[in-house]
C-alpha atoms as a PDB file:
ATOM      1  CA  MET A   1     -39.162 -66.248  54.766  1.00  0.00           C
ATOM      2  CA  SER A   2     -40.441 -62.791  53.696  1.00  0.00           C
ATOM      3  CA  ASN A   3     -40.052 -60.011  56.798  1.00  0.00           C
ATOM      4  CA  GLN A   4     -42.770 -58.273  55.466  1.00  0.00           C
ATOM      5  CA  ALA A   5     -45.651 -57.891  57.957  1.00  0.00           C
ATOM      6  CA  GLY A   6     -48.689 -57.314  55.087  1.00  0.00           C
ATOM      7  CA  SER A   7     -47.234 -61.110  53.768  1.00  0.00           C
ATOM      8  CA  VAL A   8     -48.303 -62.861  56.572  1.00  0.00           C
ATOM      9  CA  GLY A   9     -51.077 -60.508  58.319  1.00  0.00           C
ATOM     10  CA  LEU A  10     -49.123 -59.717  61.990  1.00  0.00           C
ATOM     11  CA  PRO A  11     -47.773 -56.527  62.979  1.00  0.00           C
ATOM     12  CA  LEU A  12     -44.335 -55.625  62.525  1.00  0.00           C
ATOM     13  CA  THR A  13     -42.241 -53.780  64.902  1.00  0.00           C
ATOM     14  CA  GLU A  14     -39.505 -52.255  63.871  1.00  0.00           C
ATOM     15  CA  GLY A  15     -37.826 -55.454  62.128  1.00  0.00           C
ATOM     16  CA  PHE A  16     -39.223 -58.174  64.083  1.00  0.00           C
ATOM     17  CA  LEU A  17     -42.836 -59.586  63.443  1.00  0.00           C
ATOM     18  CA  LEU A  18     -44.409 -60.214  66.765  1.00  0.00           C
ATOM     19  CA  ALA A  19     -44.821 -63.724  65.725  1.00  0.00           C
ATOM     20  CA  GLN A  20     -40.547 -63.990  65.724  1.00  0.00           C
ATOM     21  CA  SER A  21     -39.963 -62.715  68.422  1.00  0.00           C
ATOM     22  CA  GLU A  22     -38.965 -64.241  72.114  1.00  0.00           C
ATOM     23  CA  ILE A  23     -40.654 -61.612  73.703  1.00  0.00           C
ATOM     24  CA  SER A  24     -44.057 -62.608  74.432  1.00  0.00           C
ATOM     25  CA  ALA A  25     -46.966 -61.290  73.144  1.00  0.00           C
ATOM     26  CA  ASP A  26     -48.713 -59.646  76.794  1.00  0.00           C
ATOM     27  CA  LEU A  27     -45.138 -58.280  77.716  1.00  0.00           C
ATOM     28  CA  ILE A  28     -44.935 -56.418  73.890  1.00  0.00           C
ATOM     29  CA  ALA A  29     -48.442 -55.419  75.037  1.00  0.00           C
ATOM     30  CA  ALA A  30     -47.339 -53.703  78.494  1.00  0.00           C
ATOM     31  CA  TYR A  31     -44.255 -52.145  76.797  1.00  0.00           C
ATOM     32  CA  ARG A  32     -46.634 -50.354  74.288  1.00  0.00           C
ATOM     33  CA  ALA A  33     -49.205 -49.447  77.229  1.00  0.00           C
ATOM     34  CA  THR A  34     -46.434 -48.020  79.513  1.00  0.00           C
ATOM     35  CA  HIS A  35     -46.647 -44.486  79.878  1.00  0.00           C
ATOM     36  CA  TYR A  36     -43.318 -43.074  79.416  1.00  0.00           C
ATOM     37  CA  ARG A  37     -42.796 -39.783  81.595  1.00  0.00           C
ATOM     38  CA  VAL A  38     -39.842 -37.699  80.518  1.00  0.00           C
ATOM     39  CA  GLY A  39     -38.664 -34.812  83.046  1.00  0.00           C
ATOM     40  CA  GLN A  40     -40.343 -33.326  86.119  1.00  0.00           C
ATOM     41  CA  GLY A  41     -42.150 -30.547  87.011  1.00  0.00           C
ATOM     42  CA  ALA A  42     -43.562 -28.011  84.026  1.00  0.00           C
ATOM     43  CA  ASP A  43     -41.718 -29.266  81.650  1.00  0.00           C
ATOM     44  CA  ALA A  44     -42.457 -32.882  81.910  1.00  0.00           C
ATOM     45  CA  PHE A  45     -44.310 -35.161  79.283  1.00  0.00           C
ATOM     46  CA  THR A  46     -45.499 -37.926  78.377  1.00  0.00           C
ATOM     47  CA  LEU A  47     -44.458 -40.449  75.405  1.00  0.00           C
ATOM     48  CA  ARG A  48     -46.507 -42.832  74.187  1.00  0.00           C
ATOM     49  CA  VAL A  49     -45.456 -45.830  71.514  1.00  0.00           C
ATOM     50  CA  ASP A  50     -46.638 -44.754  68.163  1.00  0.00           C
ATOM     51  CA  GLY A  51     -48.074 -41.492  68.949  1.00  0.00           C
ATOM     52  CA  CYS A  52     -46.826 -38.218  67.651  1.00  0.00           C
ATOM     53  CA  SER A  53     -45.084 -36.193  70.544  1.00  0.00           C
ATOM     54  CA  GLU A  54     -45.201 -32.430  69.998  1.00  0.00           C
ATOM     55  CA  ALA A  55     -43.260 -32.078  73.065  1.00  0.00           C
ATOM     56  CA  LEU A  56     -40.813 -34.536  71.572  1.00  0.00           C
ATOM     57  CA  SER A  57     -40.612 -32.475  68.415  1.00  0.00           C
ATOM     58  CA  ARG A  58     -40.331 -28.942  70.346  1.00  0.00           C
ATOM     59  CA  LEU A  59     -37.703 -30.195  71.964  1.00  0.00           C
ATOM     60  CA  PHE A  60     -35.901 -31.537  69.095  1.00  0.00           C
ATOM     61  CA  THR A  61     -35.989 -28.256  67.666  1.00  0.00           C
ATOM     62  CA  ALA A  62     -34.847 -26.337  70.601  1.00  0.00           C
ATOM     63  CA  SER A  63     -31.900 -28.657  71.139  1.00  0.00           C
ATOM     64  CA  GLY A  64     -31.247 -28.972  67.299  1.00  0.00           C
ATOM     65  CA  HIS A  65     -31.214 -33.150  67.441  1.00  0.00           C
ATOM     66  CA  GLN A  66     -33.531 -35.482  65.418  1.00  0.00           C
ATOM     67  CA  SER A  67     -33.376 -38.601  67.580  1.00  0.00           C
ATOM     68  CA  ALA A  68     -34.021 -39.879  70.993  1.00  0.00           C
ATOM     69  CA  ILE A  69     -33.962 -42.933  73.053  1.00  0.00           C
ATOM     70  CA  PHE A  70     -36.134 -43.943  76.060  1.00  0.00           C
ATOM     71  CA  ILE A  71     -34.224 -46.491  77.843  1.00  0.00           C
ATOM     72  CA  THR A  72     -34.268 -47.892  81.679  1.00  0.00           C
ATOM     73  CA  ALA A  73     -31.587 -50.511  83.032  1.00  0.00           C
ATOM     74  CA  TYR A  74     -33.976 -51.672  85.724  1.00  0.00           C
ATOM     75  CA  ASN A  75     -35.076 -55.427  85.590  1.00  0.00           C
ATOM     76  CA  PRO A  76     -32.766 -56.874  82.568  1.00  0.00           C
ATOM     77  CA  PHE A  77     -35.257 -58.995  80.656  1.00  0.00           C
ATOM     78  CA  SER A  78     -38.010 -57.980  82.977  1.00  0.00           C
ATOM     79  CA  GLN A  79     -36.428 -60.123  85.672  1.00  0.00           C
ATOM     80  CA  THR A  80     -37.210 -58.015  88.897  1.00  0.00           C
ATOM     81  CA  GLN A  81     -33.738 -57.270  90.338  1.00  0.00           C
ATOM     82  CA  SER A  82     -33.437 -55.572  93.896  1.00  0.00           C
ATOM     83  CA  ASP A  83     -33.290 -52.009  94.204  1.00  0.00           C
ATOM     84  CA  GLU A  84     -29.696 -52.030  94.668  1.00  0.00           C
ATOM     85  CA  ALA A  85     -28.992 -53.766  91.511  1.00  0.00           C
ATOM     86  CA  ASN A  86     -31.172 -51.990  90.097  1.00  0.00           C
ATOM     87  CA  LEU A  87     -29.829 -48.421  91.417  1.00  0.00           C
ATOM     88  CA  ASP A  88     -26.347 -49.457  90.215  1.00  0.00           C
ATOM     89  CA  THR A  89     -27.110 -50.296  86.846  1.00  0.00           C
ATOM     90  CA  HIS A  90     -28.768 -47.134  86.521  1.00  0.00           C
ATOM     91  CA  GLU A  91     -26.048 -45.232  87.488  1.00  0.00           C
ATOM     92  CA  LYS A  92     -24.046 -46.891  84.760  1.00  0.00           C
ATOM     93  CA  LEU A  93     -26.143 -46.367  81.820  1.00  0.00           C
ATOM     94  CA  ARG A  94     -26.332 -42.420  83.160  1.00  0.00           C
ATOM     95  CA  TYR A  95     -22.394 -42.483  83.212  1.00  0.00           C
ATOM     96  CA  ILE A  96     -22.473 -44.031  79.555  1.00  0.00           C
ATOM     97  CA  LEU A  97     -25.348 -41.661  78.236  1.00  0.00           C
ATOM     98  CA  SER A  98     -23.224 -38.419  79.631  1.00  0.00           C
ATOM     99  CA  SER A  99     -20.806 -39.408  77.548  1.00  0.00           C
ATOM    100  CA  GLN A 100     -22.408 -39.721  74.601  1.00  0.00           C
ATOM    101  CA  ALA A 101     -25.560 -37.692  74.643  1.00  0.00           C
ATOM    102  CA  SER A 102     -26.568 -34.065  75.631  1.00  0.00           C
ATOM    103  CA  PRO A 103     -29.076 -33.687  76.754  1.00  0.00           C
ATOM    104  CA  VAL A 104     -29.555 -36.566  79.269  1.00  0.00           C
ATOM    105  CA  ILE A 105     -33.039 -36.032  81.303  1.00  0.00           C
ATOM    106  CA  GLU A 106     -34.126 -38.323  84.060  1.00  0.00           C
ATOM    107  CA  SER A 107     -37.249 -39.955  83.464  1.00  0.00           C
ATOM    108  CA  VAL A 108     -39.493 -42.569  84.034  1.00  0.00           C
ATOM    109  CA  GLY A 109     -41.522 -45.642  82.844  1.00  0.00           C
ATOM    110  CA  ALA A 110     -44.840 -46.222  84.386  1.00  0.00           C
ATOM    111  CA  ASP A 111     -47.236 -48.755  84.024  1.00  0.00           C
ATOM    112  CA  PRO A 112     -50.629 -47.361  83.919  1.00  0.00           C
ATOM    113  CA  SER A 113     -52.280 -50.430  85.335  1.00  0.00           C
ATOM    114  CA  GLY A 114     -50.185 -50.260  88.409  1.00  0.00           C
ATOM    115  CA  ALA A 115     -49.183 -54.164  88.067  1.00  0.00           C
ATOM    116  CA  TRP A 116     -45.188 -53.323  87.518  1.00  0.00           C
ATOM    117  CA  PRO A 117     -43.735 -50.888  89.667  1.00  0.00           C
ATOM    118  CA  GLU A 118     -42.242 -47.647  88.012  1.00  0.00           C
ATOM    119  CA  GLU A 119     -38.664 -47.849  86.489  1.00  0.00           C
ATOM    120  CA  LYS A 120     -36.187 -44.728  86.558  1.00  0.00           C
ATOM    121  CA  SER A 121     -35.289 -44.064  83.381  1.00  0.00           C
ATOM    122  CA  PHE A 122     -33.550 -41.767  81.219  1.00  0.00           C
ATOM    123  CA  LEU A 123     -34.566 -40.072  77.659  1.00  0.00           C
ATOM    124  CA  ALA A 124     -31.049 -39.035  75.697  1.00  0.00           C
ATOM    125  CA  LEU A 125     -31.244 -36.889  72.770  1.00  0.00           C
ATOM    126  CA  GLY A 126     -29.093 -37.191  69.623  1.00  0.00           C
ATOM    127  CA  VAL A 127     -28.560 -41.410  69.926  1.00  0.00           C
ATOM    128  CA  ASN A 128     -29.102 -42.822  66.524  1.00  0.00           C
ATOM    129  CA  LEU A 129     -30.743 -46.151  66.359  1.00  0.00           C
ATOM    130  CA  GLU A 130     -28.172 -48.534  65.898  1.00  0.00           C
ATOM    131  CA  ALA A 131     -26.127 -46.833  69.004  1.00  0.00           C
ATOM    132  CA  SER A 132     -29.873 -47.282  70.886  1.00  0.00           C
ATOM    133  CA  LYS A 133     -30.178 -50.880  69.808  1.00  0.00           C
ATOM    134  CA  ILE A 134     -26.453 -51.602  71.388  1.00  0.00           C
ATOM    135  CA  LEU A 135     -27.262 -49.586  74.844  1.00  0.00           C
ATOM    136  CA  GLY A 136     -30.482 -51.740  75.068  1.00  0.00           C
ATOM    137  CA  THR A 137     -28.577 -55.000  74.564  1.00  0.00           C
ATOM    138  CA  GLN A 138     -25.510 -54.045  76.518  1.00  0.00           C
ATOM    139  CA  PHE A 139     -27.930 -53.428  79.814  1.00  0.00           C
ATOM    140  CA  GLY A 140     -29.672 -56.550  79.076  1.00  0.00           C
ATOM    141  CA  GLN A 141     -33.118 -55.208  78.074  1.00  0.00           C
ATOM    142  CA  ASN A 142     -36.018 -56.880  75.512  1.00  0.00           C
ATOM    143  CA  ALA A 143     -36.625 -53.533  74.139  1.00  0.00           C
ATOM    144  CA  ILE A 144     -36.451 -49.605  73.957  1.00  0.00           C
ATOM    145  CA  VAL A 145     -38.369 -46.905  72.875  1.00  0.00           C
ATOM    146  CA  TRP A 146     -36.815 -44.845  70.378  1.00  0.00           C
ATOM    147  CA  ALA A 147     -38.016 -41.608  68.183  1.00  0.00           C
ATOM    148  CA  GLY A 148     -36.627 -40.322  64.775  1.00  0.00           C
ATOM    149  CA  GLU A 149     -36.904 -36.705  63.504  1.00  0.00           C
ATOM    150  CA  ASP A 150     -41.080 -37.134  62.948  1.00  0.00           C
ATOM    151  CA  ALA A 151     -41.111 -37.170  66.968  1.00  0.00           C
ATOM    152  CA  VAL A 152     -42.796 -41.056  67.010  1.00  0.00           C
ATOM    153  CA  PRO A 153     -41.768 -43.445  69.849  1.00  0.00           C
ATOM    154  CA  ARG A 154     -41.480 -46.496  68.804  1.00  0.00           C
ATOM    155  CA  LEU A 155     -41.062 -49.669  70.633  1.00  0.00           C
ATOM    156  CA  ILE A 156     -37.547 -51.519  69.002  1.00  0.00           C
ATOM    157  CA  LEU A 157     -38.041 -55.061  69.796  1.00  0.00           C
ATOM    158  CA  LEU A 158     -34.082 -56.301  70.638  1.00  0.00           C
ATOM    159  CA  HIS A 159     -34.793 -60.407  70.658  1.00  0.00           C
END
């Protein structure tokens, strides 16, 4: 079977034809619509899937990095967990990211419709795509958001 989106007329999201993913189309749409808010205060900015981010590009230039992962440890497989469980895995993710990347910036994934509660997250610079996929899988995530040197955040489906 061909894995080229053009051959079957389906959109491709980083290696997965949407029809081949185990993740529902509604959930993928929710991930794509999420506002990925990086940092706090005057330096905060929002990433949107498939939209070039000038703020992220400036951050890459200032830091010398050319990649970033936006990741949460909250609600693995989009199954609601207790606040305590979410905070525990969030701290475990912070520890791992801090040992692999610099800087690691506190962030939040926010559903603009309000249907899903905000999820504490991180933007970590200098994490390559393969390591990002491993981290997302390790923390039970359906998807991550990753950007390369073009500073365009992409939704990376993991299932």
